[in-house]
C-alpha atoms as a PDB file:
ATOM      1  CA  MET A   1      -0.085   0.052  -0.044  1.00  0.00           C
ATOM      2  CA  ALA A   2       1.334   3.423  -1.085  1.00  0.00           C
ATOM      3  CA  LYS A   3       2.160   6.136   1.615  1.00  0.00           C
ATOM      4  CA  ASP A   4      -0.948   8.148   0.598  1.00  0.00           C
ATOM      5  CA  ASP A   5      -3.096   5.115   0.565  1.00  0.00           C
ATOM      6  CA  ALA A   6      -2.107   4.186   4.091  1.00  0.00           C
ATOM      7  CA  SER A   7      -2.401   7.762   5.493  1.00  0.00           C
ATOM      8  CA  PHE A   8      -6.055   8.055   3.912  1.00  0.00           C
ATOM      9  CA  ALA A   9      -6.874   4.628   5.106  1.00  0.00           C
ATOM     10  CA  GLU A  10      -6.033   5.593   8.575  1.00  0.00           C
ATOM     11  CA  PHE A  11      -7.845   8.980   8.253  1.00  0.00           C
ATOM     12  CA  TYR A  12     -11.053   7.362   7.262  1.00  0.00           C
ATOM     13  CA  ARG A  13     -10.932   4.796   9.847  1.00  0.00           C
ATOM     14  CA  GLY A  14     -10.522   7.232  12.616  1.00  0.00           C
ATOM     15  CA  ALA A  15     -13.037   9.926  11.284  1.00  0.00           C
ATOM     16  CA  TYR A  16     -15.772   8.060   9.472  1.00  0.00           C
ATOM     17  CA  PRO A  17     -17.751   6.666  12.567  1.00  0.00           C
ATOM     18  CA  SER A  18     -18.031  10.066  14.253  1.00  0.00           C
ATOM     19  CA  LEU A  19     -19.014  11.866  11.079  1.00  0.00           C
ATOM     20  CA  VAL A  20     -21.608   9.474  10.580  1.00  0.00           C
ATOM     21  CA  ALA A  21     -22.750   9.880  14.098  1.00  0.00           C
ATOM     22  CA  GLU A  22     -22.985  13.665  13.626  1.00  0.00           C
ATOM     23  CA  LEU A  23     -24.739  13.578  10.225  1.00  0.00           C
ATOM     24  CA  TYR A  24     -27.347  11.052  11.587  1.00  0.00           C
ATOM     25  CA  ALA A  25     -27.966  13.373  14.421  1.00  0.00           C
ATOM     26  CA  CYS A  26     -28.553  16.218  12.237  1.00  0.00           C
ATOM     27  CA  THR A  27     -30.454  14.346   9.405  1.00  0.00           C
ATOM     28  CA  GLY A  28     -32.321  11.750  11.468  1.00  0.00           C
ATOM     29  CA  ASP A  29     -31.566   9.184   8.633  1.00  0.00           C
ATOM     30  CA  ARG A  30     -28.708   6.779   9.389  1.00  0.00           C
ATOM     31  CA  PRO A  31     -28.583   5.261   5.702  1.00  0.00           C
ATOM     32  CA  ASP A  32     -28.625   8.730   4.365  1.00  0.00           C
ATOM     33  CA  ALA A  33     -25.782  10.051   6.922  1.00  0.00           C
ATOM     34  CA  GLN A  34     -23.708   7.112   5.837  1.00  0.00           C
ATOM     35  CA  GLU A  35     -24.257   7.743   1.998  1.00  0.00           C
ATOM     36  CA  VAL A  36     -23.306  11.388   2.640  1.00  0.00           C
ATOM     37  CA  ALA A  37     -20.310  10.625   4.694  1.00  0.00           C
ATOM     38  CA  GLN A  38     -18.983   8.289   2.158  1.00  0.00           C
ATOM     39  CA  GLU A  39     -19.550  10.767  -0.675  1.00  0.00           C
ATOM     40  CA  ALA A  40     -17.434  13.409   1.427  1.00  0.00           C
ATOM     41  CA  PHE A  41     -14.763  10.795   1.921  1.00  0.00           C
ATOM     42  CA  MET A  42     -14.596  10.108  -1.687  1.00  0.00           C
ATOM     43  CA  ARG A  43     -14.296  13.527  -2.462  1.00  0.00           C
ATOM     44  CA  ALA A  44     -11.429  13.924  -0.006  1.00  0.00           C
ATOM     45  CA  TRP A  45      -9.632  10.791  -1.467  1.00  0.00           C
ATOM     46  CA  SER A  46      -9.745  12.428  -4.963  1.00  0.00           C
ATOM     47  CA  GLN A  47      -8.206  15.321  -3.435  1.00  0.00           C
ATOM     48  CA  TRP A  48      -6.145  13.771  -0.721  1.00  0.00           C
ATOM     49  CA  GLY A  49      -2.887  15.430  -1.763  1.00  0.00           C
ATOM     50  CA  ARG A  50      -4.080  18.805  -0.984  1.00  0.00           C
ATOM     51  CA  VAL A  51      -6.563  17.865   1.859  1.00  0.00           C
ATOM     52  CA  ARG A  52      -4.119  15.902   3.941  1.00  0.00           C
ATOM     53  CA  ASP A  53      -1.914  18.889   4.344  1.00  0.00           C
ATOM     54  CA  LEU A  54      -4.729  21.119   5.638  1.00  0.00           C
ATOM     55  CA  ASP A  55      -4.599  22.088   9.324  1.00  0.00           C
ATOM     56  CA  HIS A  56      -7.806  20.086   9.937  1.00  0.00           C
ATOM     57  CA  PRO A  57      -8.544  17.586   7.277  1.00  0.00           C
ATOM     58  CA  ARG A  58     -11.629  16.201   9.151  1.00  0.00           C
ATOM     59  CA  ALA A  59     -13.153  19.715   9.189  1.00  0.00           C
ATOM     60  CA  TRP A  60     -12.660  19.840   5.662  1.00  0.00           C
ATOM     61  CA  VAL A  61     -14.580  16.387   5.109  1.00  0.00           C
ATOM     62  CA  ALA A  62     -17.227  17.524   7.629  1.00  0.00           C
ATOM     63  CA  ARG A  63     -17.906  20.684   5.711  1.00  0.00           C
ATOM     64  CA  VAL A  64     -18.478  18.973   2.465  1.00  0.00           C
ATOM     65  CA  ALA A  65     -20.811  16.249   4.132  1.00  0.00           C
ATOM     66  CA  TYR A  66     -22.712  18.862   5.775  1.00  0.00           C
ATOM     67  CA  ARG A  67     -22.976  20.660   2.241  1.00  0.00           C
ATOM     68  CA  LEU A  68     -23.939  17.327   0.585  1.00  0.00           C
ATOM     69  CA  ALA A  69     -26.713  16.768   3.283  1.00  0.00           C
ATOM     70  CA  ALA A  70     -28.018  20.265   2.727  1.00  0.00           C
ATOM     71  CA  SER A  71     -28.291  19.900  -0.916  1.00  0.00           C
ATOM     72  CA  ARG A  72     -30.077  16.606  -0.546  1.00  0.00           C
ATOM     73  CA  TRP A  73     -32.442  18.328   1.796  1.00  0.00           C
ATOM     74  CA  ARG A  74     -32.945  21.079  -0.788  1.00  0.00           C
ATOM     75  CA  ARG A  75     -33.755  18.764  -3.447  1.00  0.00           C
ATOM     76  CA  THR A  76     -36.112  16.817  -1.248  1.00  0.00           C
ATOM     77  CA  ALA A  77     -37.927  19.899  -0.296  1.00  0.00           C
ATOM     78  CA  ILE A  78     -38.384  21.091  -4.016  1.00  0.00           C
ATOM     79  CA  ALA A  79     -39.653  17.707  -4.915  1.00  0.00           C
ATOM     80  CA  LEU A  80     -42.155  17.705  -2.214  1.00  0.00           C
ATOM     81  CA  ARG A  81     -43.132  21.012  -3.171  1.00  0.00           C
ATOM     82  CA  ALA A  82     -43.692  19.778  -6.790  1.00  0.00           C
ATOM     83  CA  LEU A  83     -45.661  17.069  -5.522  1.00  0.00           C
ATOM     84  CA  ARG A  84     -47.918  19.099  -3.456  1.00  0.00           C
ATOM     85  CA  ARG A  85     -48.556  21.306  -6.444  1.00  0.00           C
ATOM     86  CA  HIS A  86     -48.863  18.657  -9.137  1.00  0.00           C
ATOM     87  CA  GLY A  87     -49.966  15.625  -7.216  1.00  0.00           C
ATOM     88  CA  PRO A  88     -48.509  12.206  -7.450  1.00  0.00           C
ATOM     89  CA  PRO A  89     -47.359  10.869 -10.891  1.00  0.00           C
ATOM     90  CA  PRO A  90     -49.802   8.692 -12.637  1.00  0.00           C
ATOM     91  CA  ASP A  91     -49.611   4.898 -12.245  1.00  0.00           C
ATOM     92  CA  VAL A  92     -47.631   3.053 -14.736  1.00  0.00           C
ATOM     93  CA  PRO A  93     -48.547  -0.324 -15.501  1.00  0.00           C
ATOM     94  CA  PRO A  94     -45.900  -2.933 -15.321  1.00  0.00           C
ATOM     95  CA  PRO A  95     -44.144  -4.039 -18.465  1.00  0.00           C
ATOM     96  CA  ASP A  96     -45.878  -6.719 -20.404  1.00  0.00           C
ATOM     97  CA  GLY A  97     -44.253 -10.055 -21.050  1.00  0.00           C
ATOM     98  CA  ALA A  98     -43.138  -8.816 -24.727  1.00  0.00           C
ATOM     99  CA  SER A  99     -41.405  -5.909 -23.328  1.00  0.00           C
ATOM    100  CA  VAL A 100     -39.733  -7.766 -20.764  1.00  0.00           C
ATOM    101  CA  TYR A 101     -38.422 -10.115 -23.498  1.00  0.00           C
ATOM    102  CA  LEU A 102     -37.257  -7.351 -25.577  1.00  0.00           C
ATOM    103  CA  VAL A 103     -35.491  -5.791 -22.841  1.00  0.00           C
ATOM    104  CA  SER A 104     -33.632  -8.786 -21.819  1.00  0.00           C
ATOM    105  CA  ALA A 105     -32.610  -9.613 -25.431  1.00  0.00           C
ATOM    106  CA  LEU A 106     -31.359  -5.806 -25.588  1.00  0.00           C
ATOM    107  CA  ALA A 107     -29.334  -6.465 -22.439  1.00  0.00           C
ATOM    108  CA  LYS A 108     -27.488  -8.794 -24.418  1.00  0.00           C
ATOM    109  CA  LEU A 109     -25.973  -6.574 -26.897  1.00  0.00           C
ATOM    110  CA  PRO A 110     -22.999  -4.399 -26.483  1.00  0.00           C
ATOM    111  CA  GLU A 111     -23.692  -1.120 -24.671  1.00  0.00           C
ATOM    112  CA  PRO A 112     -23.082   1.250 -27.627  1.00  0.00           C
ATOM    113  CA  GLN A 113     -25.342  -0.629 -29.894  1.00  0.00           C
ATOM    114  CA  ARG A 114     -28.033  -1.132 -27.385  1.00  0.00           C
ATOM    115  CA  ARG A 115     -27.845   2.689 -26.628  1.00  0.00           C
ATOM    116  CA  ALA A 116     -28.182   3.390 -30.466  1.00  0.00           C
ATOM    117  CA  LEU A 117     -31.179   1.065 -31.006  1.00  0.00           C
ATOM    118  CA  VAL A 118     -32.877   2.626 -27.820  1.00  0.00           C
ATOM    119  CA  MET A 119     -32.338   6.222 -28.686  1.00  0.00           C
ATOM    120  CA  HIS A 120     -33.320   5.616 -32.408  1.00  0.00           C
ATOM    121  CA  HIS A 121     -36.336   3.471 -32.300  1.00  0.00           C
ATOM    122  CA  MET A 122     -37.711   4.524 -28.641  1.00  0.00           C
ATOM    123  CA  GLY A 123     -36.342   7.946 -28.117  1.00  0.00           C
ATOM    124  CA  GLY A 124     -37.063   9.141 -31.804  1.00  0.00           C
ATOM    125  CA  TYR A 125     -33.288  10.664 -32.188  1.00  0.00           C
ATOM    126  CA  THR A 126     -31.814  11.032 -35.796  1.00  0.00           C
ATOM    127  CA  ILE A 127     -28.878   9.634 -36.656  1.00  0.00           C
ATOM    128  CA  SER A 128     -27.028  12.916 -36.257  1.00  0.00           C
ATOM    129  CA  GLU A 129     -28.385  13.418 -33.015  1.00  0.00           C
ATOM    130  CA  ILE A 130     -27.419  10.284 -31.734  1.00  0.00           C
ATOM    131  CA  ALA A 131     -23.819  10.960 -33.265  1.00  0.00           C
ATOM    132  CA  ALA A 132     -23.740  14.116 -31.393  1.00  0.00           C
ATOM    133  CA  VAL A 133     -24.726  12.768 -27.928  1.00  0.00           C
ATOM    134  CA  GLU A 134     -22.311   9.733 -28.267  1.00  0.00           C
ATOM    135  CA  GLY A 135     -19.415  11.874 -29.726  1.00  0.00           C
ATOM    136  CA  VAL A 136     -19.127   9.715 -32.874  1.00  0.00           C
ATOM    137  CA  ALA A 137     -19.495  10.158 -36.554  1.00  0.00           C
ATOM    138  CA  ASN A 138     -22.770   9.360 -38.332  1.00  0.00           C
ATOM    139  CA  GLY A 139     -21.080   6.348 -40.085  1.00  0.00           C
ATOM    140  CA  THR A 140     -20.487   4.759 -36.526  1.00  0.00           C
ATOM    141  CA  VAL A 141     -23.987   5.457 -35.518  1.00  0.00           C
ATOM    142  CA  LYS A 142     -25.095   3.676 -38.696  1.00  0.00           C
ATOM    143  CA  ALA A 143     -23.023   0.849 -37.997  1.00  0.00           C
ATOM    144  CA  ARG A 144     -24.029   0.325 -34.503  1.00  0.00           C
ATOM    145  CA  LEU A 145     -27.837   0.335 -35.441  1.00  0.00           C
ATOM    146  CA  SER A 146     -27.116  -2.129 -38.560  1.00  0.00           C
ATOM    147  CA  ARG A 147     -25.146  -4.686 -36.200  1.00  0.00           C
ATOM    148  CA  GLY A 148     -27.555  -4.101 -33.281  1.00  0.00           C
ATOM    149  CA  ARG A 149     -30.613  -4.896 -35.322  1.00  0.00           C
ATOM    150  CA  THR A 150     -28.827  -8.098 -36.774  1.00  0.00           C
ATOM    151  CA  ARG A 151     -27.860  -9.312 -33.395  1.00  0.00           C
ATOM    152  CA  LEU A 152     -31.064  -8.381 -31.837  1.00  0.00           C
ATOM    153  CA  ALA A 153     -33.119 -10.180 -34.629  1.00  0.00           C
ATOM    154  CA  ALA A 154     -30.829 -13.455 -34.021  1.00  0.00           C
ATOM    155  CA  LEU A 155     -31.248 -13.200 -30.266  1.00  0.00           C
ATOM    156  CA  LEU A 156     -35.131 -12.827 -30.692  1.00  0.00           C
ATOM    157  CA  ASP A 157     -35.334 -15.685 -33.182  1.00  0.00           C
ATOM    158  CA  ASP A 158     -33.025 -17.999 -31.333  1.00  0.00           C
ATOM    159  CA  SER A 159     -34.681 -17.515 -27.909  1.00  0.00           C
ATOM    160  CA  PRO A 160     -37.228 -19.912 -26.931  1.00  0.00           C
ATOM    161  CA  SER A 161     -40.480 -18.601 -26.466  1.00  0.00           C
ATOM    162  CA  HIS A 162     -40.836 -16.944 -23.036  1.00  0.00           C
ATOM    163  CA  PRO A 163     -44.256 -17.961 -21.351  1.00  0.00           C
ATOM    164  CA  ALA A 164     -45.555 -14.589 -21.124  1.00  0.00           C
ATOM    165  CA  GLU A 165     -44.598 -13.314 -24.588  1.00  0.00           C
ATOM    166  CA  PRO A 166     -47.041 -13.365 -27.288  1.00  0.00           C
ATOM    167  CA  LYS A 167     -46.100 -14.998 -30.341  1.00  0.00           C
ATOM    168  CA  GLU A 168     -46.614 -11.863 -32.421  1.00  0.00           C
ATOM    169  CA  ALA A 169     -44.149  -9.986 -30.022  1.00  0.00           C
ATOM    170  CA  ARG A 170     -41.290 -12.242 -31.538  1.00  0.00           C
ATOM    171  CA  SER A 171     -41.600 -10.368 -34.831  1.00  0.00           C
ATOM    172  CA  VAL A 172     -40.045  -6.937 -33.301  1.00  0.00           C
END
């Protein structure tokens, strides 16, 4: 273990439990306190060369953690106001068997092909828009779509029928 790793590990073991206890006392939610503390320590680790040289590294981590907690509180308060103003979101029915089957087949594709297929066929993005989002050339998107469609068709044709899948769903 490198010297920096060892010094951070020692700092973390010593400071984490008390910071979680403080955050728990402030937030009233232990899992949230743990998550915020972990995020603050991750930020400290990413800047450990600078943070370790501060007079009070634990104070730096605590300040980050309290700011993260406050930010979460603000986001929650905004969401609650929106919920009160607009009401709860409408119920969304669970996916049908054909959708589950399609998603299962899509999960077997390489991620770039899956993203291209979903963005194009479900999201309605043009090839140029996908290229811009992905940071690739139009030809790359076209290739991903072509390869993805070919592979998806093979996956849908080669798989045994799913019990909940209607026969007409296999022609996707």
